[in-house]
Structure formats: structure tokens, C-alpha cells
């Protein structure tokens, strides 16, 4: 499996790409290509073009959750695909994979809408829409985790905006996991359900306790010190091969995690490769 960061808050030094406060990760596992989240704008698309990655050949577009910094790149992607039709370029009709709550309307901080920019019917004209609370195996080794149980009292308890006048707890939050020969690679968007809960769910779904890598947003930007400390204790017991916190993890939490785990640099342009189980 080859993983490339197309969008993040920062870029890797001496890789001349664009950054924004969002996340998008391109994955190739064998002949299958996956886009996990799309950032806020066309940054992921422009970076992919600069890297020579053809996003018209994407088999699955998977969403971690509905928030704008993960889904609003959908409109540039659809525009890109429309231009390809007009220009007679070949493309794959993708599957759009997400939790069933992905299309709910969410507001936050006075912004009237921070959720998905299109409804299910509109998206279904672009490709198959597959909604699942349960895990979905994309390949033999790569799985969409579905709904993530919130197992630890120190995380995943807060709301992020409102839905239908009630606090929104981001029920659609999910992640991907890859079963490598060295253990699990856990790939998160924001980990609103909690990064520790997400890792625990990946272990459960995959039947694997070893952790080769954790990469993505850990949702610790505004976390209390008690949550950061508890998260560090959890990571200290993981013996993870590498930890790549980015996006919404926050500087203080990243520094703290570096004292408990093998924290590595992350940003647009980062490429990681892992061998499958077989």
C-alpha cells in the first residue's frame, strides 16, 4: 500500500506544494485507488496534479465525516470530472463511501452550513453512494471502519456545532485501517470519536494488536491537559512503529505525544509505503 498526503495544514520542507487547514490522503493498494477526504478547496487536486497522481482514476472516495475541511473539496473534484467528460478523457465512476449520517446539516460558530456541499441524490449521479455503519473492506487489507464506539471517558465526548438545534457529536466520524505485515496502519481524518477509540476499533475489526503507523488528525487542538495526558499514556503502551499527527492535532499535543511515541513529521508531499499481510 502506497499512501500520499495531498492536503494538510503544512507541507514537507523542500516539497513545493500547497497547504490548507484540511486533510486529504491518496492510497493505492494493488490496483485499487482511494481518496480519503478532500480538504476544503481544490488544494488536494492541484497538489495531486503536481505529483502526477491522476484522480480521474479513483475507485473509492471515502469520507471521515461531513465537516467542510474534509468534504468541500468535493465540488472541485466534481468540476474536474465534468471537464474530463467535456474533453473526452477517460475516468472511473467512483464509489463514495461514508457513514449514513454524512448528509446531515451542521452549523457552527455562526457559519450556517459546515457539512457536505451536496445531497445524496446529487452525489448518486456521480457514482455509487455506499453508506455503512459497519466496516466495509475496500481491499483484502484496507478497511473502512464504520461507526466508531467511544470507549474512553477522556475523549470523544464533546460537541462540534449543532444539528437540528441540538449539539452535534459527529456521529459519522470514522477512519481507515490497513493490515500490513508489520501491524495496522490507522488513517484518521479528525478522530472526533477519539484517537484512542479509533485505534481500538481498528484492532477489533482487523483482529490485530500490533500498530505499525498512525497518521491523521487526532482532534487534540483544544483538548484539556487531562485528555492529552491520557492520550499520551495510551500511545506509550501501543509501541507503534511511527506516529504522524497532523491537521487538528495541535502543537501542544504533538509535542506531548513526541515524549510518548515515535512521532514523525507530516505534511503535504509525505509518502509512506507498507507491505500487505500476504
Protein backbone atom coordinates (compact mmCIF):
# COMPACT_ATOMS: atom_id res chain seq x y z
CA UNK A 1 0.00 0.00 0.00
CA UNK A 2 1.30 3.43 -1.00
CA UNK A 3 -0.01 6.45 0.91
CA UNK A 4 0.48 10.10 -0.16
CA UNK A 5 -0.65 13.19 1.75
CA UNK A 6 -2.35 15.52 -0.75
CA UNK A 7 -3.67 18.09 1.72
CA UNK A 8 -2.67 19.08 5.24
CA UNK A 9 -2.15 22.26 7.24
CA UNK A 10 1.55 22.23 6.35
CA UNK A 11 3.83 20.93 3.61
CA UNK A 12 7.01 18.90 3.81
CA UNK A 13 10.14 21.06 3.58
CA UNK A 14 11.57 21.29 0.07
CA UNK A 15 8.40 19.84 -1.45
CA UNK A 16 6.75 22.79 -3.20
CA UNK A 17 3.07 22.13 -2.74
CA UNK A 18 0.10 23.95 -1.22
CA UNK A 19 -1.32 23.59 2.29
CA UNK A 20 -4.60 24.49 3.97
CA UNK A 21 -6.38 23.56 7.23
CA UNK A 22 -7.84 20.32 5.91
CA UNK A 23 -6.74 16.81 5.05
CA UNK A 24 -6.74 14.54 2.01
CA UNK A 25 -4.83 11.29 1.58
CA UNK A 26 -4.37 9.26 -1.59
CA UNK A 27 -4.00 5.50 -1.19
CA UNK A 28 -3.07 2.84 -3.71
CA UNK A 29 -3.39 -0.79 -2.66
CA UNK A 30 -2.61 -3.04 -5.59
CA UNK A 31 -4.86 -1.91 -8.45
CA UNK A 32 -7.30 -0.09 -6.15
CA UNK A 33 -7.05 3.66 -5.57
CA UNK A 34 -8.74 5.50 -2.72
CA UNK A 35 -9.14 9.17 -1.86
CA UNK A 36 -9.68 9.64 1.87
CA UNK A 37 -11.17 13.09 2.48
CA UNK A 38 -10.87 16.05 0.12
CA UNK A 39 -9.88 19.06 2.20
CA UNK A 40 -11.64 22.43 1.94
CA UNK A 41 -10.83 23.58 -1.60
CA UNK A 42 -9.04 22.45 -4.76
CA UNK A 43 -5.67 22.29 -2.95
CA UNK A 44 -5.68 18.46 -2.89
CA UNK A 45 -6.43 18.39 -6.61
CA UNK A 46 -3.71 20.87 -7.54
CA UNK A 47 -1.18 19.01 -5.40
CA UNK A 48 -2.17 15.68 -6.95
CA UNK A 49 -1.63 17.11 -10.42
CA UNK A 50 1.79 18.43 -9.38
CA UNK A 51 2.67 14.95 -8.07
CA UNK A 52 1.49 13.21 -11.23
CA UNK A 53 -1.42 11.47 -9.48
CA UNK A 54 -4.46 11.05 -11.74
CA UNK A 55 -7.55 11.48 -9.58
CA UNK A 56 -9.80 10.59 -12.51
CA UNK A 57 -8.67 7.00 -11.85
CA UNK A 58 -10.05 6.91 -8.29
CA UNK A 59 -12.04 3.81 -7.37
CA UNK A 60 -13.29 4.93 -3.93
CA UNK A 61 -13.78 8.35 -2.36
CA UNK A 62 -14.11 7.74 1.39
CA UNK A 63 -15.13 10.43 3.87
CA UNK A 64 -14.10 10.51 7.52
CA UNK A 65 -17.01 12.83 8.38
CA UNK A 66 -19.09 15.68 6.98
CA UNK A 67 -17.16 18.78 8.08
CA UNK A 68 -16.14 21.34 5.48
CA UNK A 69 -12.38 20.84 5.88
CA UNK A 70 -12.89 17.23 4.77
CA UNK A 71 -15.72 17.43 2.22
CA UNK A 72 -15.80 20.81 0.49
CA UNK A 73 -13.10 19.72 -1.94
CA UNK A 74 -15.87 17.59 -3.42
CA UNK A 75 -17.06 20.46 -5.63
CA UNK A 76 -13.63 20.99 -7.27
CA UNK A 77 -13.41 17.21 -7.75
CA UNK A 78 -16.80 17.11 -9.48
CA UNK A 79 -15.82 20.10 -11.64
CA UNK A 80 -12.60 18.29 -12.57
CA UNK A 81 -14.59 15.23 -13.58
CA UNK A 82 -17.04 17.35 -15.60
CA UNK A 83 -14.16 18.93 -17.55
CA UNK A 84 -12.82 15.46 -18.24
CA UNK A 85 -16.14 14.42 -19.78
CA UNK A 86 -16.18 17.52 -21.97
CA UNK A 87 -12.59 16.88 -23.08
CA UNK A 88 -13.18 13.20 -23.75
CA UNK A 89 -10.80 11.99 -21.05
CA UNK A 90 -11.27 8.55 -19.57
CA UNK A 91 -12.28 8.28 -15.94
CA UNK A 92 -13.54 5.77 -13.41
CA UNK A 93 -17.00 6.14 -11.92
CA UNK A 94 -16.13 6.02 -8.21
CA UNK A 95 -17.89 4.69 -5.15
CA UNK A 96 -18.50 7.34 -2.49
CA UNK A 97 -18.15 5.66 0.90
CA UNK A 98 -19.29 7.19 4.19
CA UNK A 99 -21.34 6.79 7.36
CA UNK A 100 -25.13 7.23 6.89
CA UNK A 101 -25.08 10.49 8.89
CA UNK A 102 -22.74 12.15 6.38
CA UNK A 103 -25.51 14.20 4.75
CA UNK A 104 -26.93 15.80 7.92
CA UNK A 105 -26.92 19.62 8.08
CA UNK A 106 -24.44 21.06 10.60
CA UNK A 107 -23.85 24.65 11.70
CA UNK A 108 -21.07 26.03 13.89
CA UNK A 109 -19.67 29.36 15.04
CA UNK A 110 -22.28 31.34 13.15
CA UNK A 111 -21.47 29.60 9.86
CA UNK A 112 -24.87 28.44 8.52
CA UNK A 113 -23.54 25.22 6.98
CA UNK A 114 -20.30 23.30 7.58
CA UNK A 115 -21.44 19.93 6.28
CA UNK A 116 -21.48 18.13 2.93
CA UNK A 117 -21.87 20.53 -0.01
CA UNK A 118 -24.24 18.21 -1.94
CA UNK A 119 -27.10 15.88 -1.03
CA UNK A 120 -27.19 12.14 -1.58
CA UNK A 121 -29.27 12.32 -4.76
CA UNK A 122 -26.84 14.74 -6.39
CA UNK A 123 -23.83 12.65 -5.43
CA UNK A 124 -25.51 9.46 -6.68
CA UNK A 125 -25.46 10.91 -10.21
CA UNK A 126 -21.65 10.95 -9.98
CA UNK A 127 -21.13 7.39 -8.76
CA UNK A 128 -22.39 4.76 -6.36
CA UNK A 129 -23.10 6.06 -2.85
CA UNK A 130 -22.35 3.43 -0.22
CA UNK A 131 -23.34 4.34 3.34
CA UNK A 132 -22.47 2.00 6.19
CA UNK A 133 -22.30 1.99 9.97
CA UNK A 134 -20.47 -1.32 9.73
CA UNK A 135 -16.93 -1.90 8.47
CA UNK A 136 -16.51 -2.15 4.71
CA UNK A 137 -13.47 -3.95 3.27
CA UNK A 138 -12.26 -1.94 0.29
CA UNK A 139 -9.49 -4.43 -0.50
CA UNK A 140 -8.32 -7.59 1.25
CA UNK A 141 -6.16 -5.45 3.55
CA UNK A 142 -7.81 -1.99 3.62
CA UNK A 143 -10.98 -1.41 5.62
CA UNK A 144 -13.39 1.48 6.22
CA UNK A 145 -14.11 1.21 9.94
CA UNK A 146 -17.71 2.45 10.00
CA UNK A 147 -19.15 3.86 13.22
CA UNK A 148 -16.57 4.03 16.00
CA UNK A 149 -17.70 3.23 19.57
CA UNK A 150 -16.44 5.80 22.08
CA UNK A 151 -14.65 3.61 24.58
CA UNK A 152 -12.68 6.04 26.71
CA UNK A 153 -14.26 8.63 29.02
CA UNK A 154 -11.46 11.13 28.45
CA UNK A 155 -12.19 11.59 24.71
CA UNK A 156 -14.96 11.83 22.12
CA UNK A 157 -17.46 13.42 24.49
CA UNK A 158 -17.68 16.98 23.19
CA UNK A 159 -19.91 18.52 20.52
CA UNK A 160 -18.76 20.27 17.37
CA UNK A 161 -21.52 22.59 16.17
CA UNK A 162 -25.23 21.93 16.07
CA UNK A 163 -27.55 19.67 14.12
CA UNK A 164 -31.32 20.31 14.19
CA UNK A 165 -30.86 22.63 17.17
CA UNK A 166 -29.03 20.03 19.26
CA UNK A 167 -25.29 19.65 19.97
CA UNK A 168 -23.65 17.70 17.16
CA UNK A 169 -21.36 14.93 18.40
CA UNK A 170 -20.17 14.00 14.88
CA UNK A 171 -21.77 10.53 14.80
CA UNK A 172 -20.38 9.92 11.30
CA UNK A 173 -16.74 10.13 12.39
CA UNK A 174 -14.77 7.19 11.04
CA UNK A 175 -11.35 6.16 9.73
CA UNK A 176 -9.49 3.63 7.59
CA UNK A 177 -7.15 0.82 8.66
CA UNK A 178 -4.66 -1.16 6.62
CA UNK A 179 -3.41 -4.59 7.64
CA UNK A 180 0.31 -4.60 6.88
CA UNK A 181 2.77 -7.38 7.61
CA UNK A 182 4.14 -5.22 10.45
CA UNK A 183 0.78 -4.40 12.01
CA UNK A 184 -2.03 -1.93 11.47
CA UNK A 185 -1.79 1.41 9.70
CA UNK A 186 -4.58 3.58 11.14
CA UNK A 187 -5.57 6.53 8.92
CA UNK A 188 -7.77 9.20 10.51
CA UNK A 189 -9.47 12.40 9.42
CA UNK A 190 -10.16 14.24 12.69
CA UNK A 191 -10.82 11.38 15.12
CA UNK A 192 -13.80 13.15 16.71
CA UNK A 193 -14.70 9.79 18.28
CA UNK A 194 -11.27 9.86 19.93
CA UNK A 195 -7.96 8.74 18.52
CA UNK A 196 -7.61 6.02 21.16
CA UNK A 197 -11.13 4.74 20.46
CA UNK A 198 -10.35 4.76 16.74
CA UNK A 199 -7.22 2.66 17.21
CA UNK A 200 -9.12 0.26 19.49
CA UNK A 201 -11.83 -0.12 16.83
CA UNK A 202 -9.20 -0.82 14.15
CA UNK A 203 -7.65 -3.53 16.32
CA UNK A 204 -11.08 -5.10 16.89
CA UNK A 205 -12.16 -5.03 13.24
CA UNK A 206 -8.84 -6.32 11.90
CA UNK A 207 -8.05 -8.82 14.65
CA UNK A 208 -4.58 -7.33 15.01
CA UNK A 209 -2.96 -5.79 18.10
CA UNK A 210 0.27 -4.52 16.55
CA UNK A 211 0.37 -0.92 15.34
CA UNK A 212 2.78 -0.10 12.54
CA UNK A 213 1.66 3.51 11.99
CA UNK A 214 -1.00 6.04 12.96
CA UNK A 215 -1.46 9.02 10.64
CA UNK A 216 -4.01 11.83 10.51
CA UNK A 217 -5.79 14.34 12.70
CA UNK A 218 -6.12 13.43 16.38
CA UNK A 219 -8.59 16.21 17.39
CA UNK A 220 -6.48 17.44 20.30
CA UNK A 221 -6.08 21.08 19.22
CA UNK A 222 -8.24 22.46 22.05
CA UNK A 223 -8.13 19.43 24.32
CA UNK A 224 -7.77 19.71 28.08
CA UNK A 225 -4.41 18.74 29.51
CA UNK A 226 -6.03 15.73 31.17
CA UNK A 227 -7.11 14.38 27.76
CA UNK A 228 -3.68 14.97 26.26
CA UNK A 229 -2.02 13.21 29.21
CA UNK A 230 -4.39 10.23 28.98
CA UNK A 231 -3.84 10.00 25.22
CA UNK A 232 -0.08 10.03 25.74
CA UNK A 233 -0.38 7.19 28.25
CA UNK A 234 -2.38 5.18 25.72
CA UNK A 235 0.19 5.78 22.98
CA UNK A 236 3.04 4.91 25.31
CA UNK A 237 1.52 1.45 25.63
CA UNK A 238 0.97 0.98 21.89
CA UNK A 239 4.59 0.51 20.86
CA UNK A 240 3.63 1.98 17.48
CA UNK A 241 6.24 1.92 14.76
CA UNK A 242 5.54 5.54 13.74
CA UNK A 243 3.04 8.22 14.66
CA UNK A 244 2.22 11.02 12.19
CA UNK A 245 -0.09 13.52 13.93
CA UNK A 246 -1.30 16.33 11.69
CA UNK A 247 -4.24 18.59 10.78
CA UNK A 248 -6.27 19.10 14.00
CA UNK A 249 -3.84 17.52 16.49
CA UNK A 250 -2.37 20.81 17.69
CA UNK A 251 1.16 21.85 18.61
CA UNK A 252 0.95 21.20 22.36
CA UNK A 253 -0.48 17.71 21.88
CA UNK A 254 2.08 16.87 19.19
CA UNK A 255 4.94 17.89 21.49
CA UNK A 256 3.44 15.84 24.33
CA UNK A 257 2.97 12.80 22.08
CA UNK A 258 6.60 13.05 20.99
CA UNK A 259 7.53 12.17 24.57
CA UNK A 260 5.41 9.02 24.48
CA UNK A 261 5.68 7.72 20.91
CA UNK A 262 7.80 7.75 17.77
CA UNK A 263 6.36 10.96 16.32
CA UNK A 264 7.40 11.74 12.75
CA UNK A 265 6.99 14.80 10.54
CA UNK A 266 3.82 15.01 8.47
CA UNK A 267 2.66 17.30 5.69
CA UNK A 268 1.70 17.57 2.04
CA UNK A 269 4.11 15.52 -0.03
CA UNK A 270 4.70 12.82 2.57
CA UNK A 271 4.78 9.36 1.02
CA UNK A 272 4.63 6.12 3.01
CA UNK A 273 4.68 2.53 1.78
CA UNK A 274 3.63 -0.66 3.56
CA UNK A 275 3.57 -4.31 2.55
CA UNK A 276 0.34 -6.28 2.90
CA UNK A 277 -0.14 -9.37 5.03
CA UNK A 278 0.26 -11.89 2.25
